[in-house]
């Protein structure tokens, strides 16, 4: 009898361990354009609540991740997209590539961060806002004054002093280009970029790099995003974070489940977690504007006028015209893009 009981206990233990091991082996392939320095923090924070789901990150710039997802349309490799521009997710939605799903607690988010479809196909995390990072020391050396508007960047004295992101690689670059086309109209927007191109030293493949370059004195000014400028300034860089007077483009980082995933329940668990208050508190470490109302804390050196100058961004227009805009930009300006690598 004792032997049988021991056998039974061992069998129960073996079953429990097998079940735990099977559950612990749930792995999600997650595509992202989140800054590389933040990925470990995202996974660790999520795993405190869900140690049974392992995240395998596939990380690159917005343009590269978007192109990869589109190329894999008929044979999806990702389970979840966590942290990609909302304009990219709208494009994927139009291609039928996203799984409709209303995460638990989605009603707690600011409505502008939630897809209007019912159920929604994506949910926003945070917003980033365009800005100019201007190095005051290098500007003084060059004998130029800081700009106050987008149009100021066309001044002949700024020739060769400006770096900005390539919109084919960078979500920040695309929000700049699409916002200029909205602000100035399409014809005048391309004329503006033609003139700006004369003053551009190079186009980078990262949205944060122009601000980092300005902060390090490698450029007089970089077109980037406001939070990166605030961060560089807090780190001691001699920069001024300028929000141009005409208004600024912005985009959201957002999350979605890839249609056809074989790990739908685990994907839903992750997406449920990505919209929680705890997750939004985590986003606030890297972004000043987050989807969950009342969470965002004041960011040192963040320009107070930034939120007020966010344009009324037509995300659907930007998403629907993305391919044509990027092809035209590439044809006109790619000669000054930095090498990829």
Protein backbone atom coordinates (compact mmCIF):
# COMPACT_ATOMS: atom_id res chain seq x y z
CA UNK A 1 0.00 0.00 0.00
CA UNK A 2 2.85 2.32 0.91
CA UNK A 3 4.49 1.52 -2.41
CA UNK A 4 1.31 2.31 -4.31
CA UNK A 5 0.92 5.59 -2.46
CA UNK A 6 4.52 6.54 -3.25
CA UNK A 7 3.95 5.61 -6.88
CA UNK A 8 0.79 7.73 -6.95
CA UNK A 9 2.57 10.71 -5.33
CA UNK A 10 5.45 10.40 -7.81
CA UNK A 11 3.00 10.23 -10.70
CA UNK A 12 1.17 13.34 -9.48
CA UNK A 13 4.47 15.19 -9.05
CA UNK A 14 5.64 14.12 -12.51
CA UNK A 15 2.36 15.30 -14.03
CA UNK A 16 2.61 18.62 -12.20
CA UNK A 17 6.20 19.15 -13.32
CA UNK A 18 5.36 18.20 -16.89
CA UNK A 19 2.43 20.60 -16.89
CA UNK A 20 4.57 23.38 -15.39
CA UNK A 21 7.35 22.76 -17.89
CA UNK A 22 4.90 22.83 -20.78
CA UNK A 23 3.37 26.05 -19.50
CA UNK A 24 6.79 27.58 -18.83
CA UNK A 25 7.83 26.91 -22.37
CA UNK A 26 5.28 29.29 -23.91
CA UNK A 27 7.39 31.60 -26.04
CA UNK A 28 6.13 34.60 -27.97
CA UNK A 29 7.97 36.14 -30.89
CA UNK A 30 7.46 39.87 -30.41
CA UNK A 31 8.38 42.38 -33.11
CA UNK A 32 9.23 45.85 -31.82
CA UNK A 33 10.76 49.21 -32.64
CA UNK A 34 11.10 50.17 -28.96
CA UNK A 35 14.49 51.67 -28.11
CA UNK A 36 16.91 48.77 -27.54
CA UNK A 37 17.89 50.09 -24.11
CA UNK A 38 14.27 49.63 -22.89
CA UNK A 39 13.58 46.08 -24.05
CA UNK A 40 15.04 44.23 -21.07
CA UNK A 41 13.05 46.44 -18.69
CA UNK A 42 9.83 45.73 -20.62
CA UNK A 43 10.35 41.96 -20.51
CA UNK A 44 11.44 41.91 -16.86
CA UNK A 45 8.47 44.00 -15.72
CA UNK A 46 6.04 41.79 -17.65
CA UNK A 47 7.66 38.59 -16.36
CA UNK A 48 7.19 39.62 -12.73
CA UNK A 49 3.48 39.01 -13.33
CA UNK A 50 3.81 36.33 -16.01
CA UNK A 51 6.98 34.24 -15.54
CA UNK A 52 5.40 31.51 -17.69
CA UNK A 53 5.65 33.49 -20.96
CA UNK A 54 9.04 34.12 -22.52
CA UNK A 55 9.44 37.02 -24.94
CA UNK A 56 11.75 36.57 -27.90
CA UNK A 57 12.36 40.07 -29.22
CA UNK A 58 12.91 40.91 -32.87
CA UNK A 59 13.94 44.55 -32.77
CA UNK A 60 14.71 47.06 -35.54
CA UNK A 61 13.72 50.55 -36.65
CA UNK A 62 10.06 51.25 -37.50
CA UNK A 63 10.53 51.10 -41.27
CA UNK A 64 12.44 47.82 -41.16
CA UNK A 65 9.95 46.13 -38.80
CA UNK A 66 7.00 47.31 -40.90
CA UNK A 67 8.61 46.05 -44.12
CA UNK A 68 9.41 42.71 -42.47
CA UNK A 69 5.83 42.22 -41.30
CA UNK A 70 4.47 43.05 -44.77
CA UNK A 71 6.94 40.67 -46.41
CA UNK A 72 5.78 37.91 -44.05
CA UNK A 73 2.07 38.57 -44.67
CA UNK A 74 1.40 35.08 -46.07
CA UNK A 75 3.65 33.32 -43.56
CA UNK A 76 3.63 35.35 -40.32
CA UNK A 77 6.59 34.82 -38.00
CA UNK A 78 5.54 37.20 -35.21
CA UNK A 79 2.89 36.54 -32.56
CA UNK A 80 2.63 40.09 -31.22
CA UNK A 81 3.79 43.55 -32.22
CA UNK A 82 4.58 45.53 -29.04
CA UNK A 83 5.83 49.04 -29.72
CA UNK A 84 5.44 50.03 -33.38
CA UNK A 85 4.11 53.29 -34.83
CA UNK A 86 0.31 53.38 -34.95
CA UNK A 87 0.52 54.46 -38.61
CA UNK A 88 2.34 51.19 -39.36
CA UNK A 89 -0.28 49.15 -37.49
CA UNK A 90 -3.05 50.93 -39.41
CA UNK A 91 -1.35 49.82 -42.62
CA UNK A 92 -1.17 46.23 -41.34
CA UNK A 93 -4.84 46.46 -40.32
CA UNK A 94 -5.79 47.49 -43.87
CA UNK A 95 -3.94 44.39 -45.12
CA UNK A 96 -5.98 42.13 -42.80
CA UNK A 97 -2.90 41.17 -40.77
CA UNK A 98 -4.10 41.96 -37.24
CA UNK A 99 -6.26 39.95 -34.84
CA UNK A 100 -9.30 41.89 -33.53
CA UNK A 101 -9.14 41.86 -29.73
CA UNK A 102 -10.38 44.15 -26.95
CA UNK A 103 -7.85 43.80 -24.10
CA UNK A 104 -9.20 43.62 -20.56
CA UNK A 105 -9.47 47.16 -19.22
CA UNK A 106 -9.29 48.87 -22.63
CA UNK A 107 -12.07 51.23 -21.50
CA UNK A 108 -9.58 52.80 -19.06
CA UNK A 109 -7.42 54.21 -21.87
CA UNK A 110 -7.70 57.64 -23.47
CA UNK A 111 -9.94 56.89 -26.50
CA UNK A 112 -7.49 58.47 -28.96
CA UNK A 113 -5.08 55.64 -28.11
CA UNK A 114 -7.56 52.92 -29.17
CA UNK A 115 -8.40 51.73 -32.67
CA UNK A 116 -11.95 52.78 -33.59
CA UNK A 117 -12.88 49.31 -34.91
CA UNK A 118 -15.04 47.11 -32.68
CA UNK A 119 -13.33 45.10 -31.35
CA UNK A 120 -10.16 47.17 -31.76
CA UNK A 121 -7.22 45.75 -33.70
CA UNK A 122 -4.54 47.80 -31.94
CA UNK A 123 -4.09 49.79 -28.74
CA UNK A 124 -1.74 52.73 -28.16
CA UNK A 125 0.92 52.84 -25.47
CA UNK A 126 2.47 56.29 -25.57
CA UNK A 127 3.01 59.22 -27.91
CA UNK A 128 6.17 60.86 -29.11
CA UNK A 129 6.30 64.40 -30.39
CA UNK A 130 8.65 65.99 -32.93
CA UNK A 131 11.17 68.56 -31.74
CA UNK A 132 14.46 70.20 -32.71
CA UNK A 133 17.50 69.62 -30.51
CA UNK A 134 19.78 72.65 -30.83
CA UNK A 135 23.33 72.65 -29.45
CA UNK A 136 23.84 76.11 -27.94
CA UNK A 137 27.66 75.79 -27.80
CA UNK A 138 28.04 74.68 -31.42
CA UNK A 139 25.46 77.22 -32.56
CA UNK A 140 27.41 80.03 -30.91
CA UNK A 141 30.64 78.82 -32.48
CA UNK A 142 28.97 78.82 -35.89
CA UNK A 143 27.50 82.26 -35.27
CA UNK A 144 23.87 81.20 -35.75
CA UNK A 145 20.78 81.71 -33.63
CA UNK A 146 18.38 78.90 -32.66
CA UNK A 147 15.34 78.38 -34.91
CA UNK A 148 11.84 78.94 -33.60
CA UNK A 149 9.89 77.43 -36.50
CA UNK A 150 10.14 74.75 -39.19
CA UNK A 151 10.49 77.47 -41.82
CA UNK A 152 13.52 78.86 -39.96
CA UNK A 153 15.40 75.65 -40.84
CA UNK A 154 15.54 76.86 -44.46
CA UNK A 155 17.83 79.80 -43.60
CA UNK A 156 20.98 79.67 -45.75
CA UNK A 157 23.22 80.10 -42.69
CA UNK A 158 22.13 76.63 -41.48
CA UNK A 159 23.59 74.87 -44.53
CA UNK A 160 25.13 71.52 -43.52
CA UNK A 161 24.19 71.97 -39.85
CA UNK A 162 21.02 69.83 -39.64
CA UNK A 163 20.54 66.07 -39.29
CA UNK A 164 17.16 64.33 -39.37
CA UNK A 165 15.86 60.74 -39.54
CA UNK A 166 15.23 58.93 -42.81
CA UNK A 167 11.45 58.25 -42.89
CA UNK A 168 11.96 54.89 -44.62
CA UNK A 169 13.84 53.68 -41.54
CA UNK A 170 12.47 55.78 -38.71
CA UNK A 171 8.96 56.34 -37.40
CA UNK A 172 10.09 59.78 -36.20
CA UNK A 173 11.27 60.60 -39.71
CA UNK A 174 7.94 59.52 -41.17
CA UNK A 175 5.91 61.57 -38.69
CA UNK A 176 8.02 64.62 -39.63
CA UNK A 177 7.46 64.17 -43.35
CA UNK A 178 3.74 63.30 -43.09
CA UNK A 179 3.14 66.23 -40.72
CA UNK A 180 4.84 68.73 -43.07
CA UNK A 181 2.63 67.50 -45.91
CA UNK A 182 -0.40 68.05 -43.67
CA UNK A 183 0.76 71.41 -42.28
CA UNK A 184 1.86 72.99 -45.55
CA UNK A 185 -0.22 71.03 -48.09
CA UNK A 186 1.29 68.41 -50.37
CA UNK A 187 2.73 70.68 -53.05
CA UNK A 188 4.19 73.20 -50.57
CA UNK A 189 5.27 70.37 -48.26
CA UNK A 190 7.51 68.85 -50.95
CA UNK A 191 8.84 72.31 -51.81
CA UNK A 192 9.66 72.77 -48.13
CA UNK A 193 11.55 69.48 -48.02
CA UNK A 194 13.41 70.34 -51.24
CA UNK A 195 14.69 73.52 -49.58
CA UNK A 196 15.39 71.77 -46.26
CA UNK A 197 17.43 69.11 -48.10
CA UNK A 198 19.93 71.84 -49.05
CA UNK A 199 20.71 72.36 -45.34
CA UNK A 200 20.76 68.68 -44.34
CA UNK A 201 24.15 67.14 -43.49
CA UNK A 202 22.78 63.59 -43.32
CA UNK A 203 19.68 61.48 -42.79
CA UNK A 204 20.05 58.94 -39.97
CA UNK A 205 18.33 55.56 -39.62
CA UNK A 206 17.28 56.23 -36.02
CA UNK A 207 14.81 58.76 -34.66
CA UNK A 208 16.81 59.45 -31.52
CA UNK A 209 20.23 59.70 -33.21
CA UNK A 210 19.88 63.30 -34.52
CA UNK A 211 19.30 64.52 -30.97
CA UNK A 212 22.17 62.41 -29.63
CA UNK A 213 24.42 63.86 -32.34
CA UNK A 214 23.38 67.41 -31.42
CA UNK A 215 23.93 66.62 -27.75
CA UNK A 216 27.43 65.33 -28.48
CA UNK A 217 28.31 68.34 -30.64
CA UNK A 218 28.42 66.26 -33.83
CA UNK A 219 25.73 68.48 -35.34
CA UNK A 220 24.44 71.95 -34.56
CA UNK A 221 20.87 70.70 -34.59
CA UNK A 222 18.95 67.47 -34.97
CA UNK A 223 15.31 66.92 -35.83
CA UNK A 224 14.21 64.28 -33.33
CA UNK A 225 11.58 63.96 -30.61
CA UNK A 226 10.98 65.97 -27.47
CA UNK A 227 11.53 63.28 -24.85
CA UNK A 228 14.96 62.41 -26.26
CA UNK A 229 15.88 66.10 -26.10
CA UNK A 230 14.77 66.34 -22.47
CA UNK A 231 16.80 63.22 -21.66
CA UNK A 232 19.94 64.53 -23.39
CA UNK A 233 19.60 67.85 -21.59
CA UNK A 234 19.11 66.11 -18.23
CA UNK A 235 22.33 64.23 -18.94
CA UNK A 236 24.24 67.50 -19.25
CA UNK A 237 24.17 68.08 -23.02
CA UNK A 238 24.20 71.80 -23.92
CA UNK A 239 21.00 71.66 -25.92
CA UNK A 240 17.77 73.57 -26.21
CA UNK A 241 14.63 71.55 -27.01
CA UNK A 242 12.61 73.57 -29.53
CA UNK A 243 8.96 72.95 -30.43
CA UNK A 244 8.41 74.74 -33.77
CA UNK A 245 5.69 77.37 -33.74
CA UNK A 246 3.68 75.96 -36.70
CA UNK A 247 2.88 72.80 -34.76
CA UNK A 248 4.51 69.39 -34.58
CA UNK A 249 3.85 65.91 -35.84
CA UNK A 250 3.42 63.03 -33.43
CA UNK A 251 2.70 59.34 -33.47
CA UNK A 252 1.85 56.63 -31.01
CA UNK A 253 3.68 53.46 -30.18
CA UNK A 254 1.05 50.76 -30.28
CA UNK A 255 0.47 47.05 -29.76
CA UNK A 256 -1.41 44.36 -31.69
CA UNK A 257 -1.77 40.60 -32.08
CA UNK A 258 -0.66 39.22 -35.42
CA UNK A 259 -3.51 37.34 -37.12
CA UNK A 260 -2.87 33.62 -37.42
CA UNK A 261 -0.68 33.22 -34.33
CA UNK A 262 -0.77 29.69 -32.93
CA UNK A 263 -0.28 31.11 -29.42
CA UNK A 264 -3.38 33.27 -29.22
CA UNK A 265 -4.06 32.85 -25.49
CA UNK A 266 -0.52 33.81 -24.49
CA UNK A 267 -0.65 36.70 -26.97
CA UNK A 268 -3.89 37.93 -25.38
CA UNK A 269 -2.29 37.67 -21.92
CA UNK A 270 0.59 39.86 -23.07
CA UNK A 271 -1.66 42.41 -24.77
CA UNK A 272 -3.93 42.57 -21.69
CA UNK A 273 -0.86 43.42 -19.63
CA UNK A 274 0.46 46.05 -22.08
CA UNK A 275 -2.47 48.37 -21.41
CA UNK A 276 -2.41 48.16 -17.61
CA UNK A 277 -1.61 51.09 -15.38
CA UNK A 278 1.61 49.35 -14.39
CA UNK A 279 2.70 49.03 -18.02
CA UNK A 280 1.88 52.70 -18.66
CA UNK A 281 3.96 53.71 -15.64
CA UNK A 282 6.80 51.82 -17.30
CA UNK A 283 6.23 53.62 -20.62
CA UNK A 284 6.39 56.93 -18.77
CA UNK A 285 10.07 56.28 -18.05
CA UNK A 286 10.71 56.80 -21.77
CA UNK A 287 7.75 58.93 -22.90
CA UNK A 288 6.06 61.99 -21.48
CA UNK A 289 2.60 61.19 -22.90
CA UNK A 290 1.02 57.78 -22.19
CA UNK A 291 -2.32 56.14 -22.98
CA UNK A 292 -3.57 55.66 -19.40
CA UNK A 293 -4.94 58.99 -18.07
CA UNK A 294 -3.42 60.32 -14.87
CA UNK A 295 -0.28 58.19 -15.06
CA UNK A 296 2.21 60.52 -16.75
CA UNK A 297 4.54 62.34 -14.37
CA UNK A 298 6.25 65.61 -15.22
CA UNK A 299 9.47 65.07 -17.15
CA UNK A 300 12.42 67.38 -16.31
CA UNK A 301 13.39 69.67 -19.22
CA UNK A 302 10.38 68.60 -21.28
CA UNK A 303 9.06 71.67 -23.16
CA UNK A 304 5.67 72.55 -21.62
CA UNK A 305 4.27 73.74 -24.97
CA UNK A 306 4.86 70.38 -26.69
CA UNK A 307 1.41 68.85 -26.07
CA UNK A 308 -0.41 72.07 -27.03
CA UNK A 309 1.42 72.17 -30.38
CA UNK A 310 0.59 68.60 -31.43
CA UNK A 311 -1.15 68.87 -34.81
CA UNK A 312 -4.48 67.20 -35.50
CA UNK A 313 -2.75 64.25 -37.09
CA UNK A 314 -4.70 62.38 -39.78
CA UNK A 315 -3.30 58.93 -39.04
CA UNK A 316 -5.51 57.18 -41.58
CA UNK A 317 -4.30 59.49 -44.35
CA UNK A 318 -0.67 58.97 -43.28
CA UNK A 319 -1.10 55.19 -43.20
CA UNK A 320 -2.93 55.00 -46.55
CA UNK A 321 -0.36 57.21 -48.30
CA UNK A 322 2.72 55.85 -46.53
CA UNK A 323 4.07 53.83 -49.47
CA UNK A 324 3.74 56.69 -51.99
CA UNK A 325 5.23 59.24 -49.56
CA UNK A 326 8.24 57.05 -48.80
CA UNK A 327 8.89 56.28 -52.48
CA UNK A 328 8.81 59.98 -53.36
CA UNK A 329 11.06 60.89 -50.43
CA UNK A 330 13.55 58.17 -51.36
CA UNK A 331 13.72 59.36 -54.94
CA UNK A 332 14.33 62.97 -53.94
CA UNK A 333 16.58 62.85 -50.88
CA UNK A 334 18.15 59.45 -50.22
CA UNK A 335 21.54 60.58 -51.56
CA UNK A 336 22.32 62.09 -48.14
CA UNK A 337 21.29 59.06 -46.06
CA UNK A 338 23.99 57.61 -43.82
CA UNK A 339 25.11 54.06 -44.67
CA UNK A 340 23.04 51.30 -43.09
CA UNK A 341 24.77 49.05 -40.62
